[in-house]
All heavy atoms as atom14 arrays in JSON, in Angstrom:
{
  "sequence": "LDAASLPAVAGQPRIGSPVGGAPKFIAIGLNYADHAAEANMPIPSEP",
  "atom14_mask": [
    [1, 1, 1, 1, 1, 1, 1, 1, 0, 0, 0, 0, 0, 0],
    [1, 1, 1, 1, 1, 1, 1, 1, 0, 0, 0, 0, 0, 0],
    [1, 1, 1, 1, 1, 0, 0, 0, 0, 0, 0, 0, 0, 0],
    [1, 1, 1, 1, 1, 0, 0, 0, 0, 0, 0, 0, 0, 0],
    [1, 1, 1, 1, 1, 1, 0, 0, 0, 0, 0, 0, 0, 0],
    [1, 1, 1, 1, 1, 1, 1, 1, 0, 0, 0, 0, 0, 0],
    [1, 1, 1, 1, 1, 1, 1, 0, 0, 0, 0, 0, 0, 0],
    [1, 1, 1, 1, 1, 0, 0, 0, 0, 0, 0, 0, 0, 0],
    [1, 1, 1, 1, 1, 1, 1, 0, 0, 0, 0, 0, 0, 0],
    [1, 1, 1, 1, 1, 0, 0, 0, 0, 0, 0, 0, 0, 0],
    [1, 1, 1, 1, 0, 0, 0, 0, 0, 0, 0, 0, 0, 0],
    [1, 1, 1, 1, 1, 1, 1, 1, 1, 0, 0, 0, 0, 0],
    [1, 1, 1, 1, 1, 1, 1, 0, 0, 0, 0, 0, 0, 0],
    [1, 1, 1, 1, 1, 1, 1, 1, 1, 1, 1, 0, 0, 0],
    [1, 1, 1, 1, 1, 1, 1, 1, 0, 0, 0, 0, 0, 0],
    [1, 1, 1, 1, 0, 0, 0, 0, 0, 0, 0, 0, 0, 0],
    [1, 1, 1, 1, 1, 1, 0, 0, 0, 0, 0, 0, 0, 0],
    [1, 1, 1, 1, 1, 1, 1, 0, 0, 0, 0, 0, 0, 0],
    [1, 1, 1, 1, 1, 1, 1, 0, 0, 0, 0, 0, 0, 0],
    [1, 1, 1, 1, 0, 0, 0, 0, 0, 0, 0, 0, 0, 0],
    [1, 1, 1, 1, 0, 0, 0, 0, 0, 0, 0, 0, 0, 0],
    [1, 1, 1, 1, 1, 0, 0, 0, 0, 0, 0, 0, 0, 0],
    [1, 1, 1, 1, 1, 1, 1, 0, 0, 0, 0, 0, 0, 0],
    [1, 1, 1, 1, 1, 1, 1, 1, 1, 0, 0, 0, 0, 0],
    [1, 1, 1, 1, 1, 1, 1, 1, 1, 1, 1, 0, 0, 0],
    [1, 1, 1, 1, 1, 1, 1, 1, 0, 0, 0, 0, 0, 0],
    [1, 1, 1, 1, 1, 0, 0, 0, 0, 0, 0, 0, 0, 0],
    [1, 1, 1, 1, 1, 1, 1, 1, 0, 0, 0, 0, 0, 0],
    [1, 1, 1, 1, 0, 0, 0, 0, 0, 0, 0, 0, 0, 0],
    [1, 1, 1, 1, 1, 1, 1, 1, 0, 0, 0, 0, 0, 0],
    [1, 1, 1, 1, 1, 1, 1, 1, 0, 0, 0, 0, 0, 0],
    [1, 1, 1, 1, 1, 1, 1, 1, 1, 1, 1, 1, 0, 0],
    [1, 1, 1, 1, 1, 0, 0, 0, 0, 0, 0, 0, 0, 0],
    [1, 1, 1, 1, 1, 1, 1, 1, 0, 0, 0, 0, 0, 0],
    [1, 1, 1, 1, 1, 1, 1, 1, 1, 1, 0, 0, 0, 0],
    [1, 1, 1, 1, 1, 0, 0, 0, 0, 0, 0, 0, 0, 0],
    [1, 1, 1, 1, 1, 0, 0, 0, 0, 0, 0, 0, 0, 0],
    [1, 1, 1, 1, 1, 1, 1, 1, 1, 0, 0, 0, 0, 0],
    [1, 1, 1, 1, 1, 0, 0, 0, 0, 0, 0, 0, 0, 0],
    [1, 1, 1, 1, 1, 1, 1, 1, 0, 0, 0, 0, 0, 0],
    [1, 1, 1, 1, 1, 1, 1, 1, 0, 0, 0, 0, 0, 0],
    [1, 1, 1, 1, 1, 1, 1, 0, 0, 0, 0, 0, 0, 0],
    [1, 1, 1, 1, 1, 1, 1, 1, 0, 0, 0, 0, 0, 0],
    [1, 1, 1, 1, 1, 1, 1, 0, 0, 0, 0, 0, 0, 0],
    [1, 1, 1, 1, 1, 1, 0, 0, 0, 0, 0, 0, 0, 0],
    [1, 1, 1, 1, 1, 1, 1, 1, 1, 0, 0, 0, 0, 0],
    [1, 1, 1, 1, 1, 1, 1, 0, 0, 0, 0, 0, 0, 0]
  ],
  "atom14_positions": [
    [[2.92, 41.7, -27.23], [1.97, 42.07, -28.28], [0.84, 42.92, -27.72], [0.45, 42.78, -26.56], [1.38, 40.8, -28.92], [2.33, 39.89, -29.68], [1.6, 38.58, -30.05], [2.85, 40.58, -30.94], [0.0, 0.0, 0.0], [0.0, 0.0, 0.0], [0.0, 0.0, 0.0], [0.0, 0.0, 0.0], [0.0, 0.0, 0.0], [0.0, 0.0, 0.0]],
    [[0.3, 43.8, -28.56], [-0.93, 44.51, -28.22], [-2.09, 43.6, -28.58], [-2.43, 43.44, -29.75], [-1.01, 45.82, -29.01], [-2.32, 46.56, -28.78], [-3.07, 46.19, -27.86], [-2.6, 47.51, -29.55], [0.0, 0.0, 0.0], [0.0, 0.0, 0.0], [0.0, 0.0, 0.0], [0.0, 0.0, 0.0], [0.0, 0.0, 0.0], [0.0, 0.0, 0.0]],
    [[-2.68, 42.97, -27.55], [-3.72, 41.98, -27.81], [-4.88, 42.56, -28.62], [-5.48, 41.87, -29.45], [-4.23, 41.4, -26.49], [0.0, 0.0, 0.0], [0.0, 0.0, 0.0], [0.0, 0.0, 0.0], [0.0, 0.0, 0.0], [0.0, 0.0, 0.0], [0.0, 0.0, 0.0], [0.0, 0.0, 0.0], [0.0, 0.0, 0.0], [0.0, 0.0, 0.0]],
    [[-5.19, 43.84, -28.41], [-6.32, 44.47, -29.11], [-6.08, 44.57, -30.6], [-7.03, 44.72, -31.38], [-6.59, 45.84, -28.51], [0.0, 0.0, 0.0], [0.0, 0.0, 0.0], [0.0, 0.0, 0.0], [0.0, 0.0, 0.0], [0.0, 0.0, 0.0], [0.0, 0.0, 0.0], [0.0, 0.0, 0.0], [0.0, 0.0, 0.0], [0.0, 0.0, 0.0]],
    [[-4.81, 44.47, -31.01], [-4.49, 44.56, -32.44], [-4.58, 43.23, -33.16], [-4.52, 43.18, -34.4], [-3.08, 45.15, -32.62], [-2.09, 44.21, -32.2], [0.0, 0.0, 0.0], [0.0, 0.0, 0.0], [0.0, 0.0, 0.0], [0.0, 0.0, 0.0], [0.0, 0.0, 0.0], [0.0, 0.0, 0.0], [0.0, 0.0, 0.0], [0.0, 0.0, 0.0]],
    [[-4.71, 42.14, -32.41], [-4.79, 40.81, -33.01], [-6.2, 40.55, -33.53], [-7.17, 41.05, -32.97], [-4.42, 39.75, -31.97], [-3.0, 39.83, -31.39], [-2.86, 38.89, -30.2], [-1.96, 39.54, -32.45], [0.0, 0.0, 0.0], [0.0, 0.0, 0.0], [0.0, 0.0, 0.0], [0.0, 0.0, 0.0], [0.0, 0.0, 0.0], [0.0, 0.0, 0.0]],
    [[-6.33, 39.74, -34.59], [-7.66, 39.47, -35.13], [-8.56, 38.78, -34.11], [-8.15, 37.81, -33.46], [-7.37, 38.53, -36.31], [-5.94, 38.77, -36.66], [-5.25, 39.11, -35.38], [0.0, 0.0, 0.0], [0.0, 0.0, 0.0], [0.0, 0.0, 0.0], [0.0, 0.0, 0.0], [0.0, 0.0, 0.0], [0.0, 0.0, 0.0], [0.0, 0.0, 0.0]],
    [[-9.77, 39.31, -33.95], [-10.75, 38.67, -33.07], [-11.34, 37.47, -33.78], [-11.59, 37.5, -34.99], [-11.84, 39.66, -32.69], [0.0, 0.0, 0.0], [0.0, 0.0, 0.0], [0.0, 0.0, 0.0], [0.0, 0.0, 0.0], [0.0, 0.0, 0.0], [0.0, 0.0, 0.0], [0.0, 0.0, 0.0], [0.0, 0.0, 0.0], [0.0, 0.0, 0.0]],
    [[-11.56, 36.39, -33.05], [-12.15, 35.17, -33.59], [-13.65, 35.2, -33.3], [-14.07, 35.3, -32.14], [-11.5, 33.92, -32.97], [-12.15, 32.65, -33.52], [-10.0, 33.91, -33.24], [0.0, 0.0, 0.0], [0.0, 0.0, 0.0], [0.0, 0.0, 0.0], [0.0, 0.0, 0.0], [0.0, 0.0, 0.0], [0.0, 0.0, 0.0], [0.0, 0.0, 0.0]],
    [[-14.44, 35.11, -34.35], [-15.89, 35.2, -34.2], [-16.49, 33.88, -33.74], [-15.9, 32.81, -33.95], [-16.52, 35.62, -35.53], [0.0, 0.0, 0.0], [0.0, 0.0, 0.0], [0.0, 0.0, 0.0], [0.0, 0.0, 0.0], [0.0, 0.0, 0.0], [0.0, 0.0, 0.0], [0.0, 0.0, 0.0], [0.0, 0.0, 0.0], [0.0, 0.0, 0.0]],
    [[-17.66, 33.97, -33.13], [-18.39, 32.76, -32.75], [-17.79, 32.07, -31.55], [-17.04, 32.65, -30.77], [0.0, 0.0, 0.0], [0.0, 0.0, 0.0], [0.0, 0.0, 0.0], [0.0, 0.0, 0.0], [0.0, 0.0, 0.0], [0.0, 0.0, 0.0], [0.0, 0.0, 0.0], [0.0, 0.0, 0.0], [0.0, 0.0, 0.0], [0.0, 0.0, 0.0]],
    [[-18.11, 30.79, -31.44], [-17.62, 29.98, -30.33], [-17.01, 28.69, -30.88], [-17.61, 27.61, -30.81], [-18.77, 29.66, -29.37], [-19.32, 30.88, -28.66], [-20.39, 30.54, -27.65], [-21.25, 29.68, -27.9], [-20.37, 31.18, -26.5], [0.0, 0.0, 0.0], [0.0, 0.0, 0.0], [0.0, 0.0, 0.0], [0.0, 0.0, 0.0], [0.0, 0.0, 0.0]],
    [[-15.79, 28.79, -31.43], [-15.16, 27.59, -31.98], [-14.81, 26.59, -30.9], [-14.7, 26.94, -29.71], [-13.89, 28.15, -32.64], [-13.58, 29.39, -31.86], [-14.92, 29.97, -31.51], [0.0, 0.0, 0.0], [0.0, 0.0, 0.0], [0.0, 0.0, 0.0], [0.0, 0.0, 0.0], [0.0, 0.0, 0.0], [0.0, 0.0, 0.0], [0.0, 0.0, 0.0]],
    [[-14.65, 25.34, -31.31], [-14.17, 24.31, -30.37], [-12.82, 24.74, -29.8], [-11.96, 25.27, -30.5], [-14.0, 22.99, -31.1], [-13.28, 21.92, -30.29], [-12.96, 20.67, -31.1], [-12.1, 19.77, -30.33], [-10.77, 19.81, -30.38], [-10.15, 20.66, -31.17], [-10.05, 18.96, -29.64], [0.0, 0.0, 0.0], [0.0, 0.0, 0.0], [0.0, 0.0, 0.0]],
    [[-12.63, 24.49, -28.51], [-11.35, 24.73, -27.85], [-10.64, 23.4, -27.69], [-11.2, 22.43, -27.17], [-11.56, 25.39, -26.48], [-12.28, 26.73, -26.62], [-10.22, 25.58, -25.77], [-11.55, 27.77, -27.43], [0.0, 0.0, 0.0], [0.0, 0.0, 0.0], [0.0, 0.0, 0.0], [0.0, 0.0, 0.0], [0.0, 0.0, 0.0], [0.0, 0.0, 0.0]],
    [[-9.42, 23.33, -28.18], [-8.63, 22.1, -28.08], [-7.7, 22.14, -26.89], [-7.71, 23.08, -26.08], [0.0, 0.0, 0.0], [0.0, 0.0, 0.0], [0.0, 0.0, 0.0], [0.0, 0.0, 0.0], [0.0, 0.0, 0.0], [0.0, 0.0, 0.0], [0.0, 0.0, 0.0], [0.0, 0.0, 0.0], [0.0, 0.0, 0.0], [0.0, 0.0, 0.0]],
    [[-6.88, 21.11, -26.75], [-5.83, 21.14, -25.75], [-4.94, 22.36, -26.0], [-4.59, 22.63, -27.15], [-4.98, 19.87, -25.85], [-3.74, 20.05, -25.17], [0.0, 0.0, 0.0], [0.0, 0.0, 0.0], [0.0, 0.0, 0.0], [0.0, 0.0, 0.0], [0.0, 0.0, 0.0], [0.0, 0.0, 0.0], [0.0, 0.0, 0.0], [0.0, 0.0, 0.0]],
    [[-4.57, 23.12, -24.96], [-3.73, 24.29, -25.18], [-2.28, 23.94, -25.51], [-1.5, 24.84, -25.82], [-3.81, 25.04, -23.85], [-4.1, 23.98, -22.84], [-4.97, 22.97, -23.55], [0.0, 0.0, 0.0], [0.0, 0.0, 0.0], [0.0, 0.0, 0.0], [0.0, 0.0, 0.0], [0.0, 0.0, 0.0], [0.0, 0.0, 0.0], [0.0, 0.0, 0.0]],
    [[-1.95, 22.68, -25.47], [-0.59, 22.23, -25.81], [-0.67, 21.28, -26.99], [-1.37, 20.26, -26.95], [0.06, 21.51, -24.61], [1.46, 21.01, -24.97], [0.12, 22.43, -23.4], [0.0, 0.0, 0.0], [0.0, 0.0, 0.0], [0.0, 0.0, 0.0], [0.0, 0.0, 0.0], [0.0, 0.0, 0.0], [0.0, 0.0, 0.0], [0.0, 0.0, 0.0]],
    [[0.03, 21.63, -28.07], [0.07, 20.76, -29.24], [1.34, 19.93, -29.25], [2.4, 20.39, -28.79], [0.0, 0.0, 0.0], [0.0, 0.0, 0.0], [0.0, 0.0, 0.0], [0.0, 0.0, 0.0], [0.0, 0.0, 0.0], [0.0, 0.0, 0.0], [0.0, 0.0, 0.0], [0.0, 0.0, 0.0], [0.0, 0.0, 0.0], [0.0, 0.0, 0.0]],
    [[1.26, 18.72, -29.76], [2.45, 17.88, -29.94], [3.27, 17.66, -28.7], [4.5, 17.73, -28.74], [0.0, 0.0, 0.0], [0.0, 0.0, 0.0], [0.0, 0.0, 0.0], [0.0, 0.0, 0.0], [0.0, 0.0, 0.0], [0.0, 0.0, 0.0], [0.0, 0.0, 0.0], [0.0, 0.0, 0.0], [0.0, 0.0, 0.0], [0.0, 0.0, 0.0]],
    [[2.62, 17.41, -27.57], [3.35, 17.24, -26.31], [4.35, 16.09, -26.41], [3.97, 14.97, -26.74], [2.37, 16.99, -25.17], [0.0, 0.0, 0.0], [0.0, 0.0, 0.0], [0.0, 0.0, 0.0], [0.0, 0.0, 0.0], [0.0, 0.0, 0.0], [0.0, 0.0, 0.0], [0.0, 0.0, 0.0], [0.0, 0.0, 0.0], [0.0, 0.0, 0.0]],
    [[5.63, 16.34, -26.13], [6.61, 15.25, -26.16], [6.29, 14.15, -25.15], [6.41, 12.97, -25.44], [7.94, 15.94, -25.82], [7.72, 17.38, -26.13], [6.27, 17.64, -25.83], [0.0, 0.0, 0.0], [0.0, 0.0, 0.0], [0.0, 0.0, 0.0], [0.0, 0.0, 0.0], [0.0, 0.0, 0.0], [0.0, 0.0, 0.0], [0.0, 0.0, 0.0]],
    [[5.9, 14.57, -23.93], [5.58, 13.6, -22.88], [4.37, 14.08, -22.1], [4.15, 15.28, -21.94], [6.77, 13.43, -21.92], [8.0, 12.82, -22.55], [9.06, 12.46, -21.5], [9.82, 13.64, -20.95], [10.63, 14.34, -21.97], [0.0, 0.0, 0.0], [0.0, 0.0, 0.0], [0.0, 0.0, 0.0], [0.0, 0.0, 0.0], [0.0, 0.0, 0.0]],
    [[3.59, 13.1, -21.61], [2.44, 13.37, -20.75], [2.68, 12.53, -19.5], [2.44, 11.33, -19.48], [1.16, 12.98, -21.46], [-0.13, 13.46, -20.83], [-1.34, 13.16, -21.43], [-0.13, 14.2, -19.66], [-2.54, 13.6, -20.88], [-1.32, 14.64, -19.1], [-2.53, 14.34, -19.71], [0.0, 0.0, 0.0], [0.0, 0.0, 0.0], [0.0, 0.0, 0.0]],
    [[3.2, 13.19, -18.45], [3.65, 12.52, -17.24], [2.61, 12.76, -16.14], [1.99, 13.83, -16.09], [5.02, 13.06, -16.79], [6.02, 13.05, -17.97], [5.58, 12.27, -15.62], [7.26, 13.89, -17.73], [0.0, 0.0, 0.0], [0.0, 0.0, 0.0], [0.0, 0.0, 0.0], [0.0, 0.0, 0.0], [0.0, 0.0, 0.0], [0.0, 0.0, 0.0]],
    [[2.44, 11.81, -15.25], [1.47, 11.95, -14.18], [2.07, 11.54, -12.84], [2.93, 10.66, -12.77], [0.22, 11.13, -14.47], [0.0, 0.0, 0.0], [0.0, 0.0, 0.0], [0.0, 0.0, 0.0], [0.0, 0.0, 0.0], [0.0, 0.0, 0.0], [0.0, 0.0, 0.0], [0.0, 0.0, 0.0], [0.0, 0.0, 0.0], [0.0, 0.0, 0.0]],
    [[1.6, 12.22, -11.79], [2.02, 11.92, -10.42], [0.83, 11.31, -9.7], [-0.27, 11.88, -9.7], [2.48, 13.19, -9.69], [3.57, 13.92, -10.5], [2.97, 12.86, -8.29], [4.84, 13.11, -10.72], [0.0, 0.0, 0.0], [0.0, 0.0, 0.0], [0.0, 0.0, 0.0], [0.0, 0.0, 0.0], [0.0, 0.0, 0.0], [0.0, 0.0, 0.0]],
    [[1.01, 10.15, -9.07], [-0.07, 9.46, -8.4], [-0.08, 9.68, -6.9], [0.97, 9.93, -6.28], [0.0, 0.0, 0.0], [0.0, 0.0, 0.0], [0.0, 0.0, 0.0], [0.0, 0.0, 0.0], [0.0, 0.0, 0.0], [0.0, 0.0, 0.0], [0.0, 0.0, 0.0], [0.0, 0.0, 0.0], [0.0, 0.0, 0.0], [0.0, 0.0, 0.0]],
    [[-1.26, 9.62, -6.31], [-1.43, 9.68, -4.86], [-0.71, 10.87, -4.24], [0.0, 10.74, -3.25], [-0.96, 8.38, -4.2], [-1.7, 7.11, -4.62], [-1.07, 5.89, -3.97], [-3.19, 7.19, -4.27], [0.0, 0.0, 0.0], [0.0, 0.0, 0.0], [0.0, 0.0, 0.0], [0.0, 0.0, 0.0], [0.0, 0.0, 0.0], [0.0, 0.0, 0.0]],
    [[-0.9, 12.06, -4.84], [-0.16, 13.23, -4.39], [-0.95, 14.1, -3.41], [-0.55, 15.21, -3.12], [0.3, 14.06, -5.59], [1.38, 15.05, -5.21], [2.15, 14.81, -4.29], [1.43, 16.18, -5.91], [0.0, 0.0, 0.0], [0.0, 0.0, 0.0], [0.0, 0.0, 0.0], [0.0, 0.0, 0.0], [0.0, 0.0, 0.0], [0.0, 0.0, 0.0]],
    [[-2.09, 13.6, -2.94], [-2.86, 14.28, -1.89], [-3.08, 13.26, -0.77], [-3.57, 12.15, -1.03], [-4.19, 14.78, -2.43], [-4.07, 15.97, -3.37], [-3.53, 15.82, -4.65], [-4.49, 17.24, -2.97], [-3.41, 16.9, -5.5], [-4.38, 18.32, -3.82], [-3.84, 18.15, -5.09], [-3.73, 19.22, -5.95], [0.0, 0.0, 0.0], [0.0, 0.0, 0.0]],
    [[-2.73, 13.62, 0.44], [-2.76, 12.65, 1.55], [-4.15, 12.07, 1.74], [-4.31, 10.86, 1.98], [-2.29, 13.32, 2.83], [0.0, 0.0, 0.0], [0.0, 0.0, 0.0], [0.0, 0.0, 0.0], [0.0, 0.0, 0.0], [0.0, 0.0, 0.0], [0.0, 0.0, 0.0], [0.0, 0.0, 0.0], [0.0, 0.0, 0.0], [0.0, 0.0, 0.0]],
    [[-5.19, 12.92, 1.61], [-6.54, 12.43, 1.84], [-7.02, 11.53, 0.7], [-7.85, 10.65, 0.9], [-7.53, 13.58, 2.08], [-7.21, 14.84, 1.29], [-6.38, 14.76, 0.35], [-7.79, 15.9, 1.59], [0.0, 0.0, 0.0], [0.0, 0.0, 0.0], [0.0, 0.0, 0.0], [0.0, 0.0, 0.0], [0.0, 0.0, 0.0], [0.0, 0.0, 0.0]],
    [[-6.47, 11.73, -0.51], [-6.8, 10.81, -1.61], [-6.12, 9.46, -1.4], [-6.71, 8.41, -1.66], [-6.38, 11.42, -2.95], [-6.52, 10.48, -4.11], [-7.7, 9.82, -4.39], [-5.64, 10.08, -5.06], [-7.54, 9.06, -5.47], [-6.29, 9.19, -5.88], [0.0, 0.0, 0.0], [0.0, 0.0, 0.0], [0.0, 0.0, 0.0], [0.0, 0.0, 0.0]],
    [[-4.88, 9.48, -0.93], [-4.19, 8.21, -0.63], [-4.98, 7.43, 0.42], [-5.12, 6.19, 0.32], [-2.77, 8.48, -0.14], [0.0, 0.0, 0.0], [0.0, 0.0, 0.0], [0.0, 0.0, 0.0], [0.0, 0.0, 0.0], [0.0, 0.0, 0.0], [0.0, 0.0, 0.0], [0.0, 0.0, 0.0], [0.0, 0.0, 0.0], [0.0, 0.0, 0.0]],
    [[-5.54, 8.15, 1.4], [-6.31, 7.48, 2.45], [-7.56, 6.82, 1.89], [-7.89, 5.68, 2.23], [-6.68, 8.48, 3.54], [0.0, 0.0, 0.0], [0.0, 0.0, 0.0], [0.0, 0.0, 0.0], [0.0, 0.0, 0.0], [0.0, 0.0, 0.0], [0.0, 0.0, 0.0], [0.0, 0.0, 0.0], [0.0, 0.0, 0.0], [0.0, 0.0, 0.0]],
    [[-8.27, 7.53, 0.99], [-9.5, 6.94, 0.45], [-9.19, 5.77, -0.47], [-10.04, 4.91, -0.69], [-10.34, 7.99, -0.29], [-9.83, 8.42, -1.65], [-10.8, 9.32, -2.4], [-11.95, 9.48, -1.97], [-10.39, 9.88, -3.44], [0.0, 0.0, 0.0], [0.0, 0.0, 0.0], [0.0, 0.0, 0.0], [0.0, 0.0, 0.0], [0.0, 0.0, 0.0]],
    [[-7.97, 5.73, -1.03], [-7.56, 4.6, -1.86], [-6.96, 3.47, -1.04], [-6.51, 2.46, -1.6], [-6.54, 5.08, -2.9], [0.0, 0.0, 0.0], [0.0, 0.0, 0.0], [0.0, 0.0, 0.0], [0.0, 0.0, 0.0], [0.0, 0.0, 0.0], [0.0, 0.0, 0.0], [0.0, 0.0, 0.0], [0.0, 0.0, 0.0], [0.0, 0.0, 0.0]],
    [[-6.92, 3.65, 0.29], [-6.35, 2.65, 1.2], [-4.9, 2.34, 0.86], [-4.47, 1.18, 0.89], [-7.19, 1.36, 1.19], [-8.57, 1.57, 1.77], [-8.72, 2.19, 2.83], [-9.59, 1.07, 1.08], [0.0, 0.0, 0.0], [0.0, 0.0, 0.0], [0.0, 0.0, 0.0], [0.0, 0.0, 0.0], [0.0, 0.0, 0.0], [0.0, 0.0, 0.0]],
    [[-4.15, 3.4, 0.54], [-2.74, 3.25, 0.2], [-1.92, 4.19, 1.07], [-2.39, 5.27, 1.45], [-2.51, 3.53, -1.29], [-3.28, 2.58, -2.2], [-2.94, 2.82, -3.96], [-1.29, 2.1, -4.08], [0.0, 0.0, 0.0], [0.0, 0.0, 0.0], [0.0, 0.0, 0.0], [0.0, 0.0, 0.0], [0.0, 0.0, 0.0], [0.0, 0.0, 0.0]],
    [[-0.7, 3.8, 1.42], [0.13, 4.65, 2.28], [0.55, 5.93, 1.56], [0.63, 5.97, 0.33], [1.35, 3.76, 2.58], [1.41, 2.79, 1.44], [-0.02, 2.54, 1.04], [0.0, 0.0, 0.0], [0.0, 0.0, 0.0], [0.0, 0.0, 0.0], [0.0, 0.0, 0.0], [0.0, 0.0, 0.0], [0.0, 0.0, 0.0], [0.0, 0.0, 0.0]],
    [[0.79, 6.98, 2.36], [1.31, 8.21, 1.79], [2.7, 7.93, 1.21], [3.57, 7.41, 1.91], [1.37, 9.31, 2.86], [-0.05, 9.69, 3.3], [2.11, 10.54, 2.34], [-0.09, 10.66, 4.44], [0.0, 0.0, 0.0], [0.0, 0.0, 0.0], [0.0, 0.0, 0.0], [0.0, 0.0, 0.0], [0.0, 0.0, 0.0], [0.0, 0.0, 0.0]],
    [[2.92, 8.23, -0.05], [4.21, 7.89, -0.67], [5.35, 8.71, -0.08], [5.18, 9.88, 0.29], [4.0, 8.21, -2.14], [2.84, 9.15, -2.19], [1.98, 8.84, -1.02], [0.0, 0.0, 0.0], [0.0, 0.0, 0.0], [0.0, 0.0, 0.0], [0.0, 0.0, 0.0], [0.0, 0.0, 0.0], [0.0, 0.0, 0.0], [0.0, 0.0, 0.0]],
    [[6.53, 8.1, 0.01], [7.71, 8.78, 0.54], [8.42, 9.57, -0.54], [9.26, 10.44, -0.24], [8.67, 7.76, 1.16], [9.06, 6.8, 0.19], [0.0, 0.0, 0.0], [0.0, 0.0, 0.0], [0.0, 0.0, 0.0], [0.0, 0.0, 0.0], [0.0, 0.0, 0.0], [0.0, 0.0, 0.0], [0.0, 0.0, 0.0], [0.0, 0.0, 0.0]],
    [[8.14, 9.28, -1.79], [8.61, 10.09, -2.92], [7.57, 9.98, -4.02], [6.7, 9.11, -3.99], [9.99, 9.64, -3.4], [10.13, 8.21, -3.82], [11.58, 7.89, -4.21], [11.97, 8.22, -5.34], [12.31, 7.32, -3.38], [0.0, 0.0, 0.0], [0.0, 0.0, 0.0], [0.0, 0.0, 0.0], [0.0, 0.0, 0.0], [0.0, 0.0, 0.0]],
    [[7.6, 10.89, -5.0], [6.52, 10.91, -6.0], [6.37, 9.59, -6.75], [7.35, 8.96, -7.16], [6.95, 12.03, -6.95], [7.78, 12.94, -6.1], [8.52, 12.03, -5.16], [0.0, 0.0, 0.0], [0.0, 0.0, 0.0], [0.0, 0.0, 0.0], [0.0, 0.0, 0.0], [0.0, 0.0, 0.0], [0.0, 0.0, 0.0], [0.0, 0.0, 0.0]]
  ]
}
């Protein structure tokens, strides 16, 4: 698309999550070695 041809949105509207209706919201824990250390937990061998 030619972005300049799209309607400009005036003002400063609220910005929402850029993803609507997410099927799943998955998280990976202790994925930084130095964070695992501060949590007193071993570096995981798999996610």
